[in-house]
Amino acid sequence: MLIAGFPAGSFQANCYVVAPAAGEECVIVDPGQDAVDGLDDLLREHRLKPVAVLATHGHIDHVWSVAPVCGARDVPAWIHPEDRHLLSDPAAGWGVTSAQLFGGITLSEPDDVRELVDGAVLDLAGLSLTVDHTPGHTRGSVTFRLADEHVMFSGDLLFAGSIGRADLPGGDYPTILRSLADRCLPLPDETVVLPGHGPQTTIGHERATNPYLREAAPYAGPTRGI
């Protein structure tokens, strides 16, 4: 398994390439601001051929380069339908007008957009990625799991020591706690978490140290008494 990535642009959003091995097909996860050159370098270094772009959610720091990457490589983009509108209207994800966002930047959908469904298994580039709908940061946030490898691309659901913000349009704090409880807490401790920002971590480490995961844990009730 080959997984490589880099933080892109001023947001330092992590962009990843995933492949069974060097010299094979790959998928690209979250090509954000100014990600094109870094991606070209990774693809050339590892001799990879992209077959799809996957978006964990529609915020501009994760989808800025989706259309140019898909256009240059003639590959589809996958995104949850609740966030699809953000591909062409990024300001809606921040609660501002288009003129207020980076001086009026405009984005567009790539020619081929496919919609993610909760529980779907994407068989792409010799990989099997399970899609889990994890709303709370945005309505269409998802994570991607390589179950056989115990790896999760968490987007902005879970970070090392923290979680995604829930105060932007489409965000909701109780909802993101439910997503954490339903999608993260049941995973094995050894699951490697590759987040949308910051360093990688593991479910075991976050279970033991992340205050938000403790808050998300369901209340088990009294252990003694009546």
C-alpha atoms as a PDB file:
ATOM      1  CA  MET A   1       0.000   0.000   0.000  1.00  0.00           C
ATOM      2  CA  LEU A   2       1.263   3.447  -0.936  1.00  0.00           C
ATOM      3  CA  ILE A   3      -0.174   6.524   0.771  1.00  0.00           C
ATOM      4  CA  ALA A   4       1.546   9.870   0.313  1.00  0.00           C
ATOM      5  CA  GLY A   5       0.381  13.395   0.984  1.00  0.00           C
ATOM      6  CA  PHE A   6       1.215  17.016   1.604  1.00  0.00           C
ATOM      7  CA  PRO A   7      -0.447  20.109   3.124  1.00  0.00           C
ATOM      8  CA  ALA A   8      -1.696  22.351   0.326  1.00  0.00           C
ATOM      9  CA  GLY A   9      -2.077  26.102   0.176  1.00  0.00           C
ATOM     10  CA  SER A  10      -2.657  28.691   2.852  1.00  0.00           C
ATOM     11  CA  PHE A  11      -5.147  26.419   4.651  1.00  0.00           C
ATOM     12  CA  GLN A  12      -2.577  23.597   4.869  1.00  0.00           C
ATOM     13  CA  ALA A  13      -5.293  21.069   4.006  1.00  0.00           C
ATOM     14  CA  ASN A  14      -3.877  17.598   3.553  1.00  0.00           C
ATOM     15  CA  CYS A  15      -4.068  16.171   0.038  1.00  0.00           C
ATOM     16  CA  TYR A  16      -3.404  12.454  -0.351  1.00  0.00           C
ATOM     17  CA  VAL A  17      -2.692   9.955  -3.109  1.00  0.00           C
ATOM     18  CA  VAL A  18      -3.520   6.306  -2.451  1.00  0.00           C
ATOM     19  CA  ALA A  19      -2.441   3.300  -4.518  1.00  0.00           C
ATOM     20  CA  PRO A  20      -1.784  -0.413  -4.071  1.00  0.00           C
ATOM     21  CA  ALA A  21       1.878   0.260  -4.893  1.00  0.00           C
ATOM     22  CA  ALA A  22       4.160   2.547  -6.862  1.00  0.00           C
ATOM     23  CA  GLY A  23       3.712   2.400 -10.620  1.00  0.00           C
ATOM     24  CA  GLU A  24      -0.026   1.640 -10.422  1.00  0.00           C
ATOM     25  CA  GLU A  25      -3.358   3.432 -10.562  1.00  0.00           C
ATOM     26  CA  CYS A  26      -4.297   5.688  -7.668  1.00  0.00           C
ATOM     27  CA  VAL A  27      -7.027   7.865  -6.198  1.00  0.00           C
ATOM     28  CA  ILE A  28      -6.563  11.442  -5.042  1.00  0.00           C
ATOM     29  CA  VAL A  29      -8.223  12.635  -1.835  1.00  0.00           C
ATOM     30  CA  ASP A  30      -8.994  16.338  -1.246  1.00  0.00           C
ATOM     31  CA  PRO A  31      -6.933  18.367  -3.739  1.00  0.00           C
ATOM     32  CA  GLY A  32      -7.161  21.801  -2.137  1.00  0.00           C
ATOM     33  CA  GLN A  33      -5.687  25.228  -2.777  1.00  0.00           C
ATOM     34  CA  ASP A  34      -2.624  25.228  -5.056  1.00  0.00           C
ATOM     35  CA  ALA A  35      -2.476  21.427  -4.950  1.00  0.00           C
ATOM     36  CA  VAL A  36      -1.793  20.856  -8.656  1.00  0.00           C
ATOM     37  CA  ASP A  37       1.992  21.211  -8.611  1.00  0.00           C
ATOM     38  CA  GLY A  38       2.411  19.101  -5.465  1.00  0.00           C
ATOM     39  CA  LEU A  39       0.198  16.405  -6.932  1.00  0.00           C
ATOM     40  CA  ASP A  40       2.108  16.392 -10.195  1.00  0.00           C
ATOM     41  CA  ASP A  41       5.325  15.896  -8.235  1.00  0.00           C
ATOM     42  CA  LEU A  42       3.900  12.983  -6.228  1.00  0.00           C
ATOM     43  CA  LEU A  43       2.386  11.299  -9.253  1.00  0.00           C
ATOM     44  CA  ARG A  44       5.629  11.586 -11.168  1.00  0.00           C
ATOM     45  CA  GLU A  45       7.759  10.425  -8.228  1.00  0.00           C
ATOM     46  CA  HIS A  46       5.689   7.286  -7.675  1.00  0.00           C
ATOM     47  CA  ARG A  47       4.722   6.742 -11.344  1.00  0.00           C
ATOM     48  CA  LEU A  48       1.012   6.810 -10.536  1.00  0.00           C
ATOM     49  CA  LYS A  49      -2.008   7.130 -12.800  1.00  0.00           C
ATOM     50  CA  PRO A  50      -5.067   8.757 -11.134  1.00  0.00           C
ATOM     51  CA  VAL A  51      -8.475   7.234 -11.801  1.00  0.00           C
ATOM     52  CA  ALA A  52     -10.632   9.371  -9.479  1.00  0.00           C
ATOM     53  CA  VAL A  53     -10.703  12.348  -7.135  1.00  0.00           C
ATOM     54  CA  LEU A  54     -12.501  11.882  -3.793  1.00  0.00           C
ATOM     55  CA  ALA A  55     -13.723  14.764  -1.639  1.00  0.00           C
ATOM     56  CA  THR A  56     -14.299  14.296   2.083  1.00  0.00           C
ATOM     57  CA  HIS A  57     -16.477  17.434   1.979  1.00  0.00           C
ATOM     58  CA  GLY A  58     -17.084  20.524  -0.096  1.00  0.00           C
ATOM     59  CA  HIS A  59     -15.185  23.286   1.698  1.00  0.00           C
ATOM     60  CA  ILE A  60     -12.947  25.283  -0.605  1.00  0.00           C
ATOM     61  CA  ASP A  61      -9.749  24.290   1.188  1.00  0.00           C
ATOM     62  CA  HIS A  62     -10.448  20.668   0.184  1.00  0.00           C
ATOM     63  CA  VAL A  63     -11.936  21.087  -3.315  1.00  0.00           C
ATOM     64  CA  TRP A  64     -10.156  24.158  -4.735  1.00  0.00           C
ATOM     65  CA  SER A  65      -8.238  22.100  -7.293  1.00  0.00           C
ATOM     66  CA  VAL A  66     -10.820  19.388  -8.008  1.00  0.00           C
ATOM     67  CA  ALA A  67     -11.898  20.730 -11.407  1.00  0.00           C
ATOM     68  CA  PRO A  68      -8.401  21.365 -12.810  1.00  0.00           C
ATOM     69  CA  VAL A  69      -7.089  18.019 -11.552  1.00  0.00           C
ATOM     70  CA  CYS A  70     -10.054  16.119 -12.980  1.00  0.00           C
ATOM     71  CA  GLY A  71      -9.866  18.038 -16.250  1.00  0.00           C
ATOM     72  CA  ALA A  72      -6.168  17.494 -16.746  1.00  0.00           C
ATOM     73  CA  ARG A  73      -6.400  13.769 -15.983  1.00  0.00           C
ATOM     74  CA  ASP A  74      -9.885  13.106 -17.441  1.00  0.00           C
ATOM     75  CA  VAL A  75     -11.116  11.447 -14.246  1.00  0.00           C
ATOM     76  CA  PRO A  76     -14.375  11.767 -12.254  1.00  0.00           C
ATOM     77  CA  ALA A  77     -14.865  13.545  -8.943  1.00  0.00           C
ATOM     78  CA  TRP A  78     -16.792  11.892  -6.126  1.00  0.00           C
ATOM     79  CA  ILE A  79     -18.623  13.973  -3.489  1.00  0.00           C
ATOM     80  CA  HIS A  80     -21.674  13.580  -1.264  1.00  0.00           C
ATOM     81  CA  PRO A  81     -24.821  15.153  -2.803  1.00  0.00           C
ATOM     82  CA  GLU A  82     -25.347  17.395   0.249  1.00  0.00           C
ATOM     83  CA  ASP A  83     -22.047  19.146  -0.536  1.00  0.00           C
ATOM     84  CA  ARG A  84     -22.077  19.004  -4.315  1.00  0.00           C
ATOM     85  CA  HIS A  85     -23.267  22.618  -4.659  1.00  0.00           C
ATOM     86  CA  LEU A  86     -20.065  23.783  -2.956  1.00  0.00           C
ATOM     87  CA  LEU A  87     -18.020  22.685  -5.974  1.00  0.00           C
ATOM     88  CA  SER A  88     -19.429  25.636  -7.905  1.00  0.00           C
ATOM     89  CA  ASP A  89     -20.520  27.919  -5.023  1.00  0.00           C
ATOM     90  CA  PRO A  90     -17.701  27.786  -2.479  1.00  0.00           C
ATOM     91  CA  ALA A  91     -18.868  30.927  -0.674  1.00  0.00           C
ATOM     92  CA  ALA A  92     -21.962  29.052   0.519  1.00  0.00           C
ATOM     93  CA  GLY A  93     -19.759  26.940   2.759  1.00  0.00           C
ATOM     94  CA  TRP A  94     -18.493  29.988   4.610  1.00  0.00           C
ATOM     95  CA  GLY A  95     -21.644  32.075   4.885  1.00  0.00           C
ATOM     96  CA  VAL A  96     -20.271  34.926   2.752  1.00  0.00           C
ATOM     97  CA  THR A  97     -20.915  36.294  -0.713  1.00  0.00           C
ATOM     98  CA  SER A  98     -18.796  35.237  -3.664  1.00  0.00           C
ATOM     99  CA  ALA A  99     -17.238  38.704  -3.773  1.00  0.00           C
ATOM    100  CA  GLN A 100     -16.074  38.328  -0.170  1.00  0.00           C
ATOM    101  CA  LEU A 101     -14.338  34.993  -0.736  1.00  0.00           C
ATOM    102  CA  PHE A 102     -10.794  35.452  -2.018  1.00  0.00           C
ATOM    103  CA  GLY A 103     -11.750  38.543  -3.963  1.00  0.00           C
ATOM    104  CA  GLY A 104     -14.502  36.833  -5.926  1.00  0.00           C
ATOM    105  CA  ILE A 105     -12.917  33.499  -6.798  1.00  0.00           C
ATOM    106  CA  THR A 106     -15.126  31.197  -8.855  1.00  0.00           C
ATOM    107  CA  LEU A 107     -14.950  27.424  -9.055  1.00  0.00           C
ATOM    108  CA  SER A 108     -16.751  25.009 -11.336  1.00  0.00           C
ATOM    109  CA  GLU A 109     -17.765  21.385 -11.336  1.00  0.00           C
ATOM    110  CA  PRO A 110     -15.644  18.984 -13.361  1.00  0.00           C
ATOM    111  CA  ASP A 111     -17.358  17.372 -16.317  1.00  0.00           C
ATOM    112  CA  ASP A 112     -17.917  14.081 -14.487  1.00  0.00           C
ATOM    113  CA  VAL A 113     -19.270  14.298 -10.915  1.00  0.00           C
ATOM    114  CA  ARG A 114     -20.469  11.180  -9.109  1.00  0.00           C
ATOM    115  CA  GLU A 115     -22.334  11.168  -5.828  1.00  0.00           C
ATOM    116  CA  LEU A 116     -21.244   9.281  -2.746  1.00  0.00           C
ATOM    117  CA  VAL A 117     -23.704   7.139  -0.800  1.00  0.00           C
ATOM    118  CA  ASP A 118     -23.380   6.136   2.833  1.00  0.00           C
ATOM    119  CA  GLY A 119     -22.102   2.585   3.152  1.00  0.00           C
ATOM    120  CA  ALA A 120     -20.999   2.327  -0.455  1.00  0.00           C
ATOM    121  CA  VAL A 121     -17.777   0.511  -1.268  1.00  0.00           C
ATOM    122  CA  LEU A 122     -15.783   2.184  -4.022  1.00  0.00           C
ATOM    123  CA  ASP A 123     -13.644  -0.264  -5.973  1.00  0.00           C
ATOM    124  CA  LEU A 124     -11.128   2.060  -7.563  1.00  0.00           C
ATOM    125  CA  ALA A 125      -7.482   1.611  -8.553  1.00  0.00           C
ATOM    126  CA  GLY A 126      -7.380  -1.847  -6.997  1.00  0.00           C
ATOM    127  CA  LEU A 127      -8.584  -0.426  -3.663  1.00  0.00           C
ATOM    128  CA  SER A 128     -11.813  -0.927  -1.732  1.00  0.00           C
ATOM    129  CA  LEU A 129     -12.821   2.238   0.101  1.00  0.00           C
ATOM    130  CA  THR A 130     -15.879   2.279   2.332  1.00  0.00           C
ATOM    131  CA  VAL A 131     -17.823   5.539   2.419  1.00  0.00           C
ATOM    132  CA  ASP A 132     -19.253   6.656   5.759  1.00  0.00           C
ATOM    133  CA  HIS A 133     -21.518   9.707   5.843  1.00  0.00           C
ATOM    134  CA  THR A 134     -20.346  11.818   8.803  1.00  0.00           C
ATOM    135  CA  PRO A 135     -22.331  15.077   8.934  1.00  0.00           C
ATOM    136  CA  GLY A 136     -21.669  17.761  11.497  1.00  0.00           C
ATOM    137  CA  HIS A 137     -18.809  19.732   9.948  1.00  0.00           C
ATOM    138  CA  THR A 138     -20.835  20.007   6.739  1.00  0.00           C
ATOM    139  CA  ARG A 139     -24.036  18.207   5.810  1.00  0.00           C
ATOM    140  CA  GLY A 140     -22.209  16.154   3.203  1.00  0.00           C
ATOM    141  CA  SER A 141     -19.039  15.281   5.080  1.00  0.00           C
ATOM    142  CA  VAL A 142     -17.814  11.711   4.621  1.00  0.00           C
ATOM    143  CA  THR A 143     -14.874   9.585   5.638  1.00  0.00           C
ATOM    144  CA  PHE A 144     -13.176   6.910   3.559  1.00  0.00           C
ATOM    145  CA  ARG A 145     -11.974   3.676   5.150  1.00  0.00           C
ATOM    146  CA  LEU A 146      -9.513   1.111   3.880  1.00  0.00           C
ATOM    147  CA  ALA A 147     -10.814  -1.542   6.244  1.00  0.00           C
ATOM    148  CA  ASP A 148      -8.248  -4.213   5.388  1.00  0.00           C
ATOM    149  CA  GLU A 149      -5.448  -1.731   6.079  1.00  0.00           C
ATOM    150  CA  HIS A 150      -7.052  -0.144   9.182  1.00  0.00           C
ATOM    151  CA  VAL A 151      -6.791   3.327   7.655  1.00  0.00           C
ATOM    152  CA  MET A 152      -9.366   6.128   7.696  1.00  0.00           C
ATOM    153  CA  PHE A 153      -9.268   9.396   5.785  1.00  0.00           C
ATOM    154  CA  SER A 154     -11.207  11.501   8.252  1.00  0.00           C
ATOM    155  CA  GLY A 155     -11.447  14.825   6.429  1.00  0.00           C
ATOM    156  CA  ASP A 156     -12.465  17.471   8.960  1.00  0.00           C
ATOM    157  CA  LEU A 157     -14.355  15.082  11.220  1.00  0.00           C
ATOM    158  CA  LEU A 158     -11.443  14.091  13.462  1.00  0.00           C
ATOM    159  CA  PHE A 159      -8.000  15.613  13.970  1.00  0.00           C
ATOM    160  CA  ALA A 160      -5.133  14.772  16.288  1.00  0.00           C
ATOM    161  CA  GLY A 161      -6.403  16.176  19.584  1.00  0.00           C
ATOM    162  CA  SER A 162      -9.418  17.941  18.125  1.00  0.00           C
ATOM    163  CA  ILE A 163     -12.374  17.790  15.727  1.00  0.00           C
ATOM    164  CA  GLY A 164     -13.758  19.876  12.888  1.00  0.00           C
ATOM    165  CA  ARG A 165     -15.545  23.125  13.595  1.00  0.00           C
ATOM    166  CA  ALA A 166     -19.334  23.062  13.570  1.00  0.00           C
ATOM    167  CA  ASP A 167     -20.131  26.781  13.355  1.00  0.00           C
ATOM    168  CA  LEU A 168     -20.133  27.203   9.569  1.00  0.00           C
ATOM    169  CA  PRO A 169     -23.208  26.769   7.347  1.00  0.00           C
ATOM    170  CA  GLY A 170     -24.299  23.133   7.433  1.00  0.00           C
ATOM    171  CA  GLY A 171     -22.389  22.449  10.633  1.00  0.00           C
ATOM    172  CA  ASP A 172     -23.964  21.251  13.858  1.00  0.00           C
ATOM    173  CA  TYR A 173     -22.183  20.325  17.077  1.00  0.00           C
ATOM    174  CA  PRO A 174     -24.529  17.572  18.359  1.00  0.00           C
ATOM    175  CA  THR A 175     -24.475  16.060  14.874  1.00  0.00           C
ATOM    176  CA  ILE A 176     -20.681  15.947  14.669  1.00  0.00           C
ATOM    177  CA  LEU A 177     -20.585  14.300  18.109  1.00  0.00           C
ATOM    178  CA  ARG A 178     -22.986  11.626  16.838  1.00  0.00           C
ATOM    179  CA  SER A 179     -20.799  11.084  13.777  1.00  0.00           C
ATOM    180  CA  LEU A 180     -17.753  10.670  16.018  1.00  0.00           C
ATOM    181  CA  ALA A 181     -19.619   8.222  18.245  1.00  0.00           C
ATOM    182  CA  ASP A 182     -21.051   6.214  15.367  1.00  0.00           C
ATOM    183  CA  ARG A 183     -18.100   6.212  12.955  1.00  0.00           C
ATOM    184  CA  CYS A 184     -14.918   6.616  14.992  1.00  0.00           C
ATOM    185  CA  LEU A 185     -15.427   5.051  18.408  1.00  0.00           C
ATOM    186  CA  PRO A 186     -16.313   1.574  17.072  1.00  0.00           C
ATOM    187  CA  LEU A 187     -13.062   1.330  15.053  1.00  0.00           C
ATOM    188  CA  PRO A 188     -10.071  -0.693  16.303  1.00  0.00           C
ATOM    189  CA  ASP A 189      -7.446   1.209  18.272  1.00  0.00           C
ATOM    190  CA  GLU A 190      -4.821   0.501  15.617  1.00  0.00           C
ATOM    191  CA  THR A 191      -6.811   2.335  12.920  1.00  0.00           C
ATOM    192  CA  VAL A 192      -4.586   5.050  11.446  1.00  0.00           C
ATOM    193  CA  VAL A 193      -6.401   8.366  11.051  1.00  0.00           C
ATOM    194  CA  LEU A 194      -5.252  10.560   8.147  1.00  0.00           C
ATOM    195  CA  PRO A 195      -7.011  13.868   8.784  1.00  0.00           C
ATOM    196  CA  GLY A 196      -7.802  16.859   6.643  1.00  0.00           C
ATOM    197  CA  HIS A 197      -5.385  19.035   8.604  1.00  0.00           C
ATOM    198  CA  GLY A 198      -2.418  18.321  10.823  1.00  0.00           C
ATOM    199  CA  PRO A 199      -0.529  15.125  11.628  1.00  0.00           C
ATOM    200  CA  GLN A 200      -1.784  11.576  11.461  1.00  0.00           C
ATOM    201  CA  THR A 201      -2.949   9.833  14.604  1.00  0.00           C
ATOM    202  CA  THR A 202      -4.715   6.623  15.633  1.00  0.00           C
ATOM    203  CA  ILE A 203      -8.162   5.871  16.955  1.00  0.00           C
ATOM    204  CA  GLY A 204      -6.595   4.392  20.097  1.00  0.00           C
ATOM    205  CA  HIS A 205      -4.637   7.555  20.833  1.00  0.00           C
ATOM    206  CA  GLU A 206      -7.653   9.779  20.228  1.00  0.00           C
ATOM    207  CA  ARG A 207      -9.912   7.532  22.273  1.00  0.00           C
ATOM    208  CA  ALA A 208      -7.531   7.924  25.199  1.00  0.00           C
ATOM    209  CA  THR A 209      -6.672  11.621  24.870  1.00  0.00           C
ATOM    210  CA  ASN A 210      -9.131  13.546  22.703  1.00  0.00           C
ATOM    211  CA  PRO A 211     -11.657  15.366  24.920  1.00  0.00           C
ATOM    212  CA  TYR A 212     -14.200  15.529  22.106  1.00  0.00           C
ATOM    213  CA  LEU A 213     -14.232  11.770  21.681  1.00  0.00           C
ATOM    214  CA  ARG A 214     -14.838  11.412  25.395  1.00  0.00           C
ATOM    215  CA  GLU A 215     -17.760  13.808  25.045  1.00  0.00           C
ATOM    216  CA  ALA A 216     -19.052  11.820  22.068  1.00  0.00           C
ATOM    217  CA  ALA A 217     -18.955   8.491  23.917  1.00  0.00           C
ATOM    218  CA  PRO A 218     -22.480   7.301  24.744  1.00  0.00           C
ATOM    219  CA  TYR A 219     -23.435   7.390  28.397  1.00  0.00           C
ATOM    220  CA  ALA A 220     -23.439   3.822  29.706  1.00  0.00           C
ATOM    221  CA  GLY A 221     -25.540   4.469  32.798  1.00  0.00           C
ATOM    222  CA  PRO A 222     -24.697   3.738  36.431  1.00  0.00           C
ATOM    223  CA  THR A 223     -22.413   0.806  37.166  1.00  0.00           C
ATOM    224  CA  ARG A 224     -23.831   0.252  40.648  1.00  0.00           C
ATOM    225  CA  GLY A 225     -27.001   0.936  42.585  1.00  0.00           C
ATOM    226  CA  ILE A 226     -30.564   0.803  41.485  1.00  0.00           C
END
